[in-house]
All heavy atoms as atom14 arrays in JSON, in Angstrom:
{
  "sequence": "ELTLETRQAAASTRAYFTFFLAAGALYLIVTLCSGVVFARIEKWARRG",
  "atom14_mask": [
    [1, 1, 1, 1, 1, 1, 1, 1, 1, 0, 0, 0, 0, 0],
    [1, 1, 1, 1, 1, 1, 1, 1, 0, 0, 0, 0, 0, 0],
    [1, 1, 1, 1, 1, 1, 1, 0, 0, 0, 0, 0, 0, 0],
    [1, 1, 1, 1, 1, 1, 1, 1, 0, 0, 0, 0, 0, 0],
    [1, 1, 1, 1, 1, 1, 1, 1, 1, 0, 0, 0, 0, 0],
    [1, 1, 1, 1, 1, 1, 1, 0, 0, 0, 0, 0, 0, 0],
    [1, 1, 1, 1, 1, 1, 1, 1, 1, 1, 1, 0, 0, 0],
    [1, 1, 1, 1, 1, 1, 1, 1, 1, 0, 0, 0, 0, 0],
    [1, 1, 1, 1, 1, 0, 0, 0, 0, 0, 0, 0, 0, 0],
    [1, 1, 1, 1, 1, 0, 0, 0, 0, 0, 0, 0, 0, 0],
    [1, 1, 1, 1, 1, 0, 0, 0, 0, 0, 0, 0, 0, 0],
    [1, 1, 1, 1, 1, 1, 0, 0, 0, 0, 0, 0, 0, 0],
    [1, 1, 1, 1, 1, 1, 1, 0, 0, 0, 0, 0, 0, 0],
    [1, 1, 1, 1, 1, 1, 1, 1, 1, 1, 1, 0, 0, 0],
    [1, 1, 1, 1, 1, 0, 0, 0, 0, 0, 0, 0, 0, 0],
    [1, 1, 1, 1, 1, 1, 1, 1, 1, 1, 1, 1, 0, 0],
    [1, 1, 1, 1, 1, 1, 1, 1, 1, 1, 1, 0, 0, 0],
    [1, 1, 1, 1, 1, 1, 1, 0, 0, 0, 0, 0, 0, 0],
    [1, 1, 1, 1, 1, 1, 1, 1, 1, 1, 1, 0, 0, 0],
    [1, 1, 1, 1, 1, 1, 1, 1, 1, 1, 1, 0, 0, 0],
    [1, 1, 1, 1, 1, 1, 1, 1, 0, 0, 0, 0, 0, 0],
    [1, 1, 1, 1, 1, 0, 0, 0, 0, 0, 0, 0, 0, 0],
    [1, 1, 1, 1, 1, 0, 0, 0, 0, 0, 0, 0, 0, 0],
    [1, 1, 1, 1, 0, 0, 0, 0, 0, 0, 0, 0, 0, 0],
    [1, 1, 1, 1, 1, 0, 0, 0, 0, 0, 0, 0, 0, 0],
    [1, 1, 1, 1, 1, 1, 1, 1, 0, 0, 0, 0, 0, 0],
    [1, 1, 1, 1, 1, 1, 1, 1, 1, 1, 1, 1, 0, 0],
    [1, 1, 1, 1, 1, 1, 1, 1, 0, 0, 0, 0, 0, 0],
    [1, 1, 1, 1, 1, 1, 1, 1, 0, 0, 0, 0, 0, 0],
    [1, 1, 1, 1, 1, 1, 1, 0, 0, 0, 0, 0, 0, 0],
    [1, 1, 1, 1, 1, 1, 1, 0, 0, 0, 0, 0, 0, 0],
    [1, 1, 1, 1, 1, 1, 1, 1, 0, 0, 0, 0, 0, 0],
    [1, 1, 1, 1, 1, 1, 0, 0, 0, 0, 0, 0, 0, 0],
    [1, 1, 1, 1, 1, 1, 0, 0, 0, 0, 0, 0, 0, 0],
    [1, 1, 1, 1, 0, 0, 0, 0, 0, 0, 0, 0, 0, 0],
    [1, 1, 1, 1, 1, 1, 1, 0, 0, 0, 0, 0, 0, 0],
    [1, 1, 1, 1, 1, 1, 1, 0, 0, 0, 0, 0, 0, 0],
    [1, 1, 1, 1, 1, 1, 1, 1, 1, 1, 1, 0, 0, 0],
    [1, 1, 1, 1, 1, 0, 0, 0, 0, 0, 0, 0, 0, 0],
    [1, 1, 1, 1, 1, 1, 1, 1, 1, 1, 1, 0, 0, 0],
    [1, 1, 1, 1, 1, 1, 1, 1, 0, 0, 0, 0, 0, 0],
    [1, 1, 1, 1, 1, 1, 1, 1, 1, 0, 0, 0, 0, 0],
    [1, 1, 1, 1, 1, 1, 1, 1, 1, 0, 0, 0, 0, 0],
    [1, 1, 1, 1, 1, 1, 1, 1, 1, 1, 1, 1, 1, 1],
    [1, 1, 1, 1, 1, 0, 0, 0, 0, 0, 0, 0, 0, 0],
    [1, 1, 1, 1, 1, 1, 1, 1, 1, 1, 1, 0, 0, 0],
    [1, 1, 1, 1, 1, 1, 1, 1, 1, 1, 1, 0, 0, 0],
    [1, 1, 1, 1, 0, 0, 0, 0, 0, 0, 0, 0, 0, 0]
  ],
  "atom14_positions": [
    [[22.86, -10.29, 6.9], [21.92, -10.38, 5.79], [21.68, -8.99, 5.22], [22.35, -8.04, 5.61], [20.62, -11.08, 6.23], [20.04, -10.63, 7.55], [19.51, -9.24, 7.49], [18.62, -8.98, 6.66], [19.98, -8.38, 8.25], [0.0, 0.0, 0.0], [0.0, 0.0, 0.0], [0.0, 0.0, 0.0], [0.0, 0.0, 0.0], [0.0, 0.0, 0.0]],
    [[20.73, -8.86, 4.33], [20.58, -7.62, 3.58], [20.27, -6.42, 4.47], [20.85, -5.34, 4.3], [19.46, -7.79, 2.54], [19.13, -6.55, 1.69], [20.36, -6.04, 0.98], [18.03, -6.89, 0.69], [0.0, 0.0, 0.0], [0.0, 0.0, 0.0], [0.0, 0.0, 0.0], [0.0, 0.0, 0.0], [0.0, 0.0, 0.0], [0.0, 0.0, 0.0]],
    [[19.4, -6.59, 5.45], [19.03, -5.46, 6.3], [20.21, -4.97, 7.12], [20.43, -3.75, 7.25], [17.87, -5.86, 7.23], [16.76, -6.28, 6.43], [17.44, -4.69, 8.09], [0.0, 0.0, 0.0], [0.0, 0.0, 0.0], [0.0, 0.0, 0.0], [0.0, 0.0, 0.0], [0.0, 0.0, 0.0], [0.0, 0.0, 0.0], [0.0, 0.0, 0.0]],
    [[20.99, -5.88, 7.68], [22.15, -5.47, 8.48], [23.19, -4.78, 7.61], [23.77, -3.75, 8.01], [22.76, -6.68, 9.19], [23.95, -6.38, 10.1], [23.56, -5.38, 11.19], [24.49, -7.66, 10.73], [0.0, 0.0, 0.0], [0.0, 0.0, 0.0], [0.0, 0.0, 0.0], [0.0, 0.0, 0.0], [0.0, 0.0, 0.0], [0.0, 0.0, 0.0]],
    [[23.44, -5.32, 6.42], [24.4, -4.68, 5.51], [23.91, -3.3, 5.13], [24.71, -2.35, 5.02], [24.59, -5.55, 4.26], [25.27, -6.89, 4.5], [26.76, -6.75, 4.74], [27.29, -5.61, 4.65], [27.41, -7.77, 5.02], [0.0, 0.0, 0.0], [0.0, 0.0, 0.0], [0.0, 0.0, 0.0], [0.0, 0.0, 0.0], [0.0, 0.0, 0.0]],
    [[22.61, -3.15, 4.93], [22.04, -1.84, 4.58], [22.21, -0.85, 5.72], [22.58, 0.31, 5.51], [20.55, -1.99, 4.23], [20.41, -2.93, 3.15], [19.96, -0.66, 3.81], [0.0, 0.0, 0.0], [0.0, 0.0, 0.0], [0.0, 0.0, 0.0], [0.0, 0.0, 0.0], [0.0, 0.0, 0.0], [0.0, 0.0, 0.0], [0.0, 0.0, 0.0]],
    [[21.94, -1.3, 6.93], [22.1, -0.42, 8.09], [23.55, 0.03, 8.26], [23.82, 1.2, 8.57], [21.6, -1.13, 9.35], [20.1, -1.25, 9.45], [19.67, -2.18, 10.56], [20.31, -1.85, 11.83], [20.25, -2.62, 12.91], [19.59, -3.77, 12.87], [20.83, -2.25, 14.02], [0.0, 0.0, 0.0], [0.0, 0.0, 0.0], [0.0, 0.0, 0.0]],
    [[24.48, -0.89, 8.07], [25.89, -0.54, 8.21], [26.32, 0.45, 7.14], [27.06, 1.41, 7.42], [26.74, -1.81, 8.15], [26.56, -2.72, 9.36], [27.31, -4.03, 9.21], [27.71, -4.41, 8.12], [27.5, -4.73, 10.32], [0.0, 0.0, 0.0], [0.0, 0.0, 0.0], [0.0, 0.0, 0.0], [0.0, 0.0, 0.0], [0.0, 0.0, 0.0]],
    [[25.87, 0.24, 5.9], [26.22, 1.15, 4.82], [25.61, 2.53, 5.06], [26.28, 3.56, 4.88], [25.73, 0.59, 3.48], [0.0, 0.0, 0.0], [0.0, 0.0, 0.0], [0.0, 0.0, 0.0], [0.0, 0.0, 0.0], [0.0, 0.0, 0.0], [0.0, 0.0, 0.0], [0.0, 0.0, 0.0], [0.0, 0.0, 0.0], [0.0, 0.0, 0.0]],
    [[24.36, 2.57, 5.49], [23.69, 3.85, 5.74], [24.33, 4.59, 6.89], [24.51, 5.82, 6.84], [22.21, 3.61, 6.0], [0.0, 0.0, 0.0], [0.0, 0.0, 0.0], [0.0, 0.0, 0.0], [0.0, 0.0, 0.0], [0.0, 0.0, 0.0], [0.0, 0.0, 0.0], [0.0, 0.0, 0.0], [0.0, 0.0, 0.0], [0.0, 0.0, 0.0]],
    [[24.69, 3.85, 7.95], [25.31, 4.5, 9.11], [26.7, 5.05, 8.76], [27.11, 6.09, 9.29], [25.42, 3.52, 10.26], [0.0, 0.0, 0.0], [0.0, 0.0, 0.0], [0.0, 0.0, 0.0], [0.0, 0.0, 0.0], [0.0, 0.0, 0.0], [0.0, 0.0, 0.0], [0.0, 0.0, 0.0], [0.0, 0.0, 0.0], [0.0, 0.0, 0.0]],
    [[27.42, 4.39, 7.86], [28.77, 4.84, 7.51], [28.75, 6.05, 6.58], [29.67, 6.88, 6.62], [29.54, 3.7, 6.83], [29.68, 2.59, 7.7], [0.0, 0.0, 0.0], [0.0, 0.0, 0.0], [0.0, 0.0, 0.0], [0.0, 0.0, 0.0], [0.0, 0.0, 0.0], [0.0, 0.0, 0.0], [0.0, 0.0, 0.0], [0.0, 0.0, 0.0]],
    [[27.73, 6.15, 5.75], [27.69, 7.22, 4.75], [26.65, 8.28, 5.05], [26.63, 9.32, 4.38], [27.39, 6.62, 3.36], [26.11, 5.97, 3.41], [28.45, 5.61, 2.96], [0.0, 0.0, 0.0], [0.0, 0.0, 0.0], [0.0, 0.0, 0.0], [0.0, 0.0, 0.0], [0.0, 0.0, 0.0], [0.0, 0.0, 0.0], [0.0, 0.0, 0.0]],
    [[25.75, 8.0, 5.99], [24.63, 8.91, 6.32], [23.64, 9.03, 5.15], [22.8, 9.93, 5.17], [25.13, 10.31, 6.71], [26.08, 10.32, 7.9], [25.4, 9.8, 9.15], [26.31, 9.79, 10.29], [25.98, 9.3, 11.5], [24.77, 8.82, 11.69], [26.85, 9.32, 12.48], [0.0, 0.0, 0.0], [0.0, 0.0, 0.0], [0.0, 0.0, 0.0]],
    [[23.74, 8.16, 4.18], [22.8, 8.18, 3.05], [21.7, 7.16, 3.3], [21.58, 6.15, 2.6], [23.54, 7.89, 1.75], [0.0, 0.0, 0.0], [0.0, 0.0, 0.0], [0.0, 0.0, 0.0], [0.0, 0.0, 0.0], [0.0, 0.0, 0.0], [0.0, 0.0, 0.0], [0.0, 0.0, 0.0], [0.0, 0.0, 0.0], [0.0, 0.0, 0.0]],
    [[20.89, 7.41, 4.31], [19.88, 6.45, 4.73], [18.84, 6.21, 3.62], [18.46, 5.06, 3.34], [19.19, 6.93, 6.0], [20.09, 6.93, 7.21], [20.76, 8.08, 7.62], [20.3, 5.76, 7.94], [21.6, 8.08, 8.72], [21.13, 5.75, 9.05], [21.78, 6.91, 9.43], [22.61, 6.9, 10.52], [0.0, 0.0, 0.0], [0.0, 0.0, 0.0]],
    [[18.38, 7.29, 3.02], [17.34, 7.15, 1.99], [17.83, 6.3, 0.83], [17.13, 5.4, 0.35], [16.9, 8.53, 1.5], [15.86, 8.49, 0.43], [14.53, 8.25, 0.74], [16.21, 8.66, -0.92], [13.56, 8.2, -0.26], [15.25, 8.61, -1.91], [13.92, 8.38, -1.58], [0.0, 0.0, 0.0], [0.0, 0.0, 0.0], [0.0, 0.0, 0.0]],
    [[19.05, 6.55, 0.37], [19.6, 5.83, -0.78], [19.69, 4.34, -0.52], [19.23, 3.52, -1.34], [21.0, 6.38, -1.12], [20.89, 7.75, -1.49], [21.63, 5.59, -2.26], [0.0, 0.0, 0.0], [0.0, 0.0, 0.0], [0.0, 0.0, 0.0], [0.0, 0.0, 0.0], [0.0, 0.0, 0.0], [0.0, 0.0, 0.0], [0.0, 0.0, 0.0]],
    [[20.23, 3.97, 0.62], [20.48, 2.54, 0.87], [19.2, 1.78, 1.23], [19.01, 0.65, 0.8], [21.54, 2.38, 1.95], [22.92, 2.67, 1.46], [23.6, 3.81, 1.85], [23.55, 1.8, 0.59], [24.87, 4.09, 1.39], [24.83, 2.06, 0.11], [25.49, 3.21, 0.51], [0.0, 0.0, 0.0], [0.0, 0.0, 0.0], [0.0, 0.0, 0.0]],
    [[18.32, 2.39, 2.01], [17.09, 1.67, 2.34], [16.15, 1.6, 1.15], [15.4, 0.63, 1.01], [16.4, 2.33, 3.55], [17.03, 1.95, 4.85], [17.84, 2.85, 5.54], [16.85, 0.69, 5.39], [18.44, 2.49, 6.74], [17.44, 0.32, 6.59], [18.24, 1.22, 7.27], [0.0, 0.0, 0.0], [0.0, 0.0, 0.0], [0.0, 0.0, 0.0]],
    [[16.2, 2.6, 0.26], [15.44, 2.5, -0.98], [15.99, 1.39, -1.86], [15.23, 0.63, -2.47], [15.49, 3.84, -1.72], [14.64, 3.93, -3.01], [13.17, 3.76, -2.68], [14.88, 5.26, -3.7], [0.0, 0.0, 0.0], [0.0, 0.0, 0.0], [0.0, 0.0, 0.0], [0.0, 0.0, 0.0], [0.0, 0.0, 0.0], [0.0, 0.0, 0.0]],
    [[17.32, 1.27, -1.9], [17.94, 0.19, -2.68], [17.59, -1.17, -2.11], [17.3, -2.12, -2.86], [19.46, 0.38, -2.71], [0.0, 0.0, 0.0], [0.0, 0.0, 0.0], [0.0, 0.0, 0.0], [0.0, 0.0, 0.0], [0.0, 0.0, 0.0], [0.0, 0.0, 0.0], [0.0, 0.0, 0.0], [0.0, 0.0, 0.0], [0.0, 0.0, 0.0]],
    [[17.59, -1.3, -0.78], [17.22, -2.57, -0.15], [15.77, -2.92, -0.45], [15.44, -4.08, -0.74], [17.45, -2.49, 1.36], [0.0, 0.0, 0.0], [0.0, 0.0, 0.0], [0.0, 0.0, 0.0], [0.0, 0.0, 0.0], [0.0, 0.0, 0.0], [0.0, 0.0, 0.0], [0.0, 0.0, 0.0], [0.0, 0.0, 0.0], [0.0, 0.0, 0.0]],
    [[14.9, -1.92, -0.38], [13.5, -2.17, -0.71], [13.32, -2.62, -2.14], [12.51, -3.5, -2.44], [0.0, 0.0, 0.0], [0.0, 0.0, 0.0], [0.0, 0.0, 0.0], [0.0, 0.0, 0.0], [0.0, 0.0, 0.0], [0.0, 0.0, 0.0], [0.0, 0.0, 0.0], [0.0, 0.0, 0.0], [0.0, 0.0, 0.0], [0.0, 0.0, 0.0]],
    [[14.1, -2.03, -3.06], [14.03, -2.43, -4.47], [14.49, -3.88, -4.65], [13.91, -4.64, -5.44], [14.89, -1.5, -5.32], [0.0, 0.0, 0.0], [0.0, 0.0, 0.0], [0.0, 0.0, 0.0], [0.0, 0.0, 0.0], [0.0, 0.0, 0.0], [0.0, 0.0, 0.0], [0.0, 0.0, 0.0], [0.0, 0.0, 0.0], [0.0, 0.0, 0.0]],
    [[15.53, -4.29, -3.91], [16.01, -5.67, -4.0], [14.96, -6.65, -3.49], [14.72, -7.71, -4.1], [17.32, -5.83, -3.22], [18.55, -5.14, -3.81], [19.75, -5.26, -2.87], [18.89, -5.73, -5.17], [0.0, 0.0, 0.0], [0.0, 0.0, 0.0], [0.0, 0.0, 0.0], [0.0, 0.0, 0.0], [0.0, 0.0, 0.0], [0.0, 0.0, 0.0]],
    [[14.33, -6.33, -2.36], [13.25, -7.18, -1.85], [12.1, -7.25, -2.86], [11.48, -8.32, -3.04], [12.74, -6.66, -0.51], [13.6, -7.04, 0.67], [14.2, -6.08, 1.46], [13.79, -8.38, 1.02], [14.98, -6.42, 2.56], [14.57, -8.74, 2.11], [15.16, -7.75, 2.88], [15.93, -8.11, 3.96], [0.0, 0.0, 0.0], [0.0, 0.0, 0.0]],
    [[11.78, -6.13, -3.5], [10.7, -6.12, -4.48], [11.04, -7.0, -5.68], [10.17, -7.73, -6.19], [10.44, -4.69, -4.94], [9.33, -4.51, -6.0], [8.0, -5.02, -5.48], [9.22, -3.05, -6.41], [0.0, 0.0, 0.0], [0.0, 0.0, 0.0], [0.0, 0.0, 0.0], [0.0, 0.0, 0.0], [0.0, 0.0, 0.0], [0.0, 0.0, 0.0]],
    [[12.29, -6.95, -6.14], [12.71, -7.8, -7.25], [12.57, -9.28, -6.88], [12.09, -10.09, -7.68], [14.16, -7.47, -7.65], [14.23, -6.07, -8.28], [14.71, -8.52, -8.62], [15.64, -5.58, -8.52], [0.0, 0.0, 0.0], [0.0, 0.0, 0.0], [0.0, 0.0, 0.0], [0.0, 0.0, 0.0], [0.0, 0.0, 0.0], [0.0, 0.0, 0.0]],
    [[12.97, -9.63, -5.66], [12.83, -11.02, -5.21], [11.36, -11.42, -5.19], [11.0, -12.53, -5.62], [13.46, -11.18, -3.8], [13.11, -12.56, -3.22], [14.97, -11.01, -3.87], [0.0, 0.0, 0.0], [0.0, 0.0, 0.0], [0.0, 0.0, 0.0], [0.0, 0.0, 0.0], [0.0, 0.0, 0.0], [0.0, 0.0, 0.0], [0.0, 0.0, 0.0]],
    [[10.5, -10.52, -4.73], [9.07, -10.83, -4.67], [8.48, -11.03, -6.06], [7.71, -11.98, -6.29], [8.32, -9.69, -3.95], [8.81, -9.57, -2.62], [6.83, -9.97, -3.89], [0.0, 0.0, 0.0], [0.0, 0.0, 0.0], [0.0, 0.0, 0.0], [0.0, 0.0, 0.0], [0.0, 0.0, 0.0], [0.0, 0.0, 0.0], [0.0, 0.0, 0.0]],
    [[8.84, -10.16, -7.0], [8.31, -10.28, -8.36], [8.79, -11.57, -9.03], [8.0, -12.27, -9.68], [8.72, -9.06, -9.18], [8.13, -7.71, -8.75], [8.69, -6.58, -9.58], [6.61, -7.74, -8.83], [0.0, 0.0, 0.0], [0.0, 0.0, 0.0], [0.0, 0.0, 0.0], [0.0, 0.0, 0.0], [0.0, 0.0, 0.0], [0.0, 0.0, 0.0]],
    [[10.07, -11.87, -8.88], [10.6, -13.12, -9.46], [9.95, -14.34, -8.82], [9.63, -15.32, -9.51], [12.11, -13.17, -9.3], [13.01, -11.92, -10.25], [0.0, 0.0, 0.0], [0.0, 0.0, 0.0], [0.0, 0.0, 0.0], [0.0, 0.0, 0.0], [0.0, 0.0, 0.0], [0.0, 0.0, 0.0], [0.0, 0.0, 0.0], [0.0, 0.0, 0.0]],
    [[9.74, -14.29, -7.51], [9.09, -15.4, -6.8], [7.67, -15.59, -7.28], [7.19, -16.72, -7.43], [9.11, -15.14, -5.3], [10.43, -15.01, -4.8], [0.0, 0.0, 0.0], [0.0, 0.0, 0.0], [0.0, 0.0, 0.0], [0.0, 0.0, 0.0], [0.0, 0.0, 0.0], [0.0, 0.0, 0.0], [0.0, 0.0, 0.0], [0.0, 0.0, 0.0]],
    [[6.97, -14.47, -7.54], [5.6, -14.57, -8.03], [5.53, -15.28, -9.37], [4.63, -16.11, -9.59], [0.0, 0.0, 0.0], [0.0, 0.0, 0.0], [0.0, 0.0, 0.0], [0.0, 0.0, 0.0], [0.0, 0.0, 0.0], [0.0, 0.0, 0.0], [0.0, 0.0, 0.0], [0.0, 0.0, 0.0], [0.0, 0.0, 0.0], [0.0, 0.0, 0.0]],
    [[6.49, -14.99, -10.26], [6.53, -15.66, -11.56], [6.78, -17.16, -11.39], [6.12, -17.99, -12.02], [7.62, -15.03, -12.45], [7.79, -15.83, -13.74], [7.26, -13.59, -12.77], [0.0, 0.0, 0.0], [0.0, 0.0, 0.0], [0.0, 0.0, 0.0], [0.0, 0.0, 0.0], [0.0, 0.0, 0.0], [0.0, 0.0, 0.0], [0.0, 0.0, 0.0]],
    [[7.73, -17.51, -10.53], [8.07, -18.92, -10.32], [6.89, -19.69, -9.74], [6.52, -20.77, -10.22], [9.3, -19.04, -9.39], [9.53, -20.5, -9.0], [10.54, -18.47, -10.07], [0.0, 0.0, 0.0], [0.0, 0.0, 0.0], [0.0, 0.0, 0.0], [0.0, 0.0, 0.0], [0.0, 0.0, 0.0], [0.0, 0.0, 0.0], [0.0, 0.0, 0.0]],
    [[6.25, -19.15, -8.71], [5.15, -19.86, -8.08], [3.92, -19.91, -8.98], [3.12, -20.84, -8.89], [4.81, -19.24, -6.73], [5.67, -19.73, -5.6], [6.75, -19.01, -5.15], [5.39, -20.95, -4.99], [7.55, -19.48, -4.13], [6.18, -21.43, -3.97], [7.27, -20.7, -3.53], [0.0, 0.0, 0.0], [0.0, 0.0, 0.0], [0.0, 0.0, 0.0]],
    [[3.74, -18.92, -9.84], [2.64, -18.96, -10.8], [2.83, -20.14, -11.76], [1.86, -20.84, -12.1], [2.56, -17.66, -11.58], [0.0, 0.0, 0.0], [0.0, 0.0, 0.0], [0.0, 0.0, 0.0], [0.0, 0.0, 0.0], [0.0, 0.0, 0.0], [0.0, 0.0, 0.0], [0.0, 0.0, 0.0], [0.0, 0.0, 0.0], [0.0, 0.0, 0.0]],
    [[4.07, -20.38, -12.16], [4.34, -21.52, -13.04], [4.17, -22.84, -12.3], [3.67, -23.82, -12.87], [5.75, -21.41, -13.61], [5.93, -20.23, -14.55], [7.19, -20.33, -15.37], [7.28, -19.25, -16.36], [8.2, -19.2, -17.31], [9.11, -20.18, -17.39], [8.21, -18.2, -18.17], [0.0, 0.0, 0.0], [0.0, 0.0, 0.0], [0.0, 0.0, 0.0]],
    [[4.59, -22.86, -11.04], [4.41, -24.08, -10.25], [2.93, -24.39, -10.08], [2.49, -25.55, -10.2], [5.1, -23.93, -8.88], [6.61, -23.86, -9.04], [4.72, -25.09, -7.96], [7.37, -23.59, -7.76], [0.0, 0.0, 0.0], [0.0, 0.0, 0.0], [0.0, 0.0, 0.0], [0.0, 0.0, 0.0], [0.0, 0.0, 0.0], [0.0, 0.0, 0.0]],
    [[2.14, -23.36, -9.8], [0.69, -23.57, -9.63], [0.05, -24.03, -10.93], [-0.83, -24.91, -10.93], [0.04, -22.29, -9.13], [-1.44, -22.47, -8.81], [-2.05, -21.25, -8.17], [-1.35, -20.22, -8.02], [-3.24, -21.31, -7.81], [0.0, 0.0, 0.0], [0.0, 0.0, 0.0], [0.0, 0.0, 0.0], [0.0, 0.0, 0.0], [0.0, 0.0, 0.0]],
    [[0.49, -23.45, -12.05], [-0.04, -23.88, -13.35], [0.29, -25.34, -13.61], [-0.53, -26.11, -14.11], [0.54, -22.99, -14.45], [0.0, -23.31, -15.84], [0.59, -22.38, -16.88], [0.06, -22.71, -18.27], [0.64, -21.81, -19.31], [0.0, 0.0, 0.0], [0.0, 0.0, 0.0], [0.0, 0.0, 0.0], [0.0, 0.0, 0.0], [0.0, 0.0, 0.0]],
    [[1.54, -25.73, -13.26], [1.94, -27.14, -13.41], [1.12, -28.04, -12.5], [0.68, -29.13, -12.89], [3.42, -27.28, -13.1], [3.89, -28.7, -12.99], [4.2, -29.56, -14.0], [4.06, -29.45, -11.77], [4.57, -30.79, -13.49], [4.48, -30.75, -12.13], [3.88, -29.14, -10.42], [4.74, -31.72, -11.18], [4.15, -30.11, -9.48], [4.56, -31.4, -9.86]],
    [[0.89, -27.6, -11.25], [0.15, -28.42, -10.3], [-1.31, -28.6, -10.7], [-1.94, -29.6, -10.36], [0.23, -27.8, -8.9], [0.0, 0.0, 0.0], [0.0, 0.0, 0.0], [0.0, 0.0, 0.0], [0.0, 0.0, 0.0], [0.0, 0.0, 0.0], [0.0, 0.0, 0.0], [0.0, 0.0, 0.0], [0.0, 0.0, 0.0], [0.0, 0.0, 0.0]],
    [[-1.86, -27.62, -11.44], [-3.26, -27.68, -11.84], [-3.46, -28.31, -13.22], [-4.59, -28.3, -13.74], [-3.86, -26.28, -11.84], [-4.04, -25.68, -10.47], [-4.8, -24.37, -10.51], [-4.98, -23.82, -9.19], [-5.97, -24.18, -8.36], [-6.86, -25.08, -8.75], [-6.07, -23.64, -7.16], [0.0, 0.0, 0.0], [0.0, 0.0, 0.0], [0.0, 0.0, 0.0]],
    [[-2.4, -28.85, -13.8], [-2.54, -29.45, -15.12], [-3.55, -30.6, -15.06], [-3.56, -31.4, -14.12], [-1.19, -29.96, -15.63], [-0.65, -31.15, -14.86], [0.83, -31.35, -15.16], [1.32, -32.61, -14.59], [1.59, -32.77, -13.29], [1.41, -31.77, -12.45], [2.05, -33.94, -12.85], [0.0, 0.0, 0.0], [0.0, 0.0, 0.0], [0.0, 0.0, 0.0]],
    [[-4.42, -30.66, -16.05], [-5.44, -31.7, -16.08], [-6.68, -31.38, -15.3], [-7.69, -32.1, -15.41], [0.0, 0.0, 0.0], [0.0, 0.0, 0.0], [0.0, 0.0, 0.0], [0.0, 0.0, 0.0], [0.0, 0.0, 0.0], [0.0, 0.0, 0.0], [0.0, 0.0, 0.0], [0.0, 0.0, 0.0], [0.0, 0.0, 0.0], [0.0, 0.0, 0.0]]
  ]
}
């Protein structure tokens, strides 16, 4: 999964900061997109 791939990339290149920052950014993007989706679901569930 993402964390293992990040660890392998960082260990191979020694660019730990670059890859773990990139992984954190990907998790953040997933969180932000999920927030938008669930906000719409909640709005739909509260209709009426």
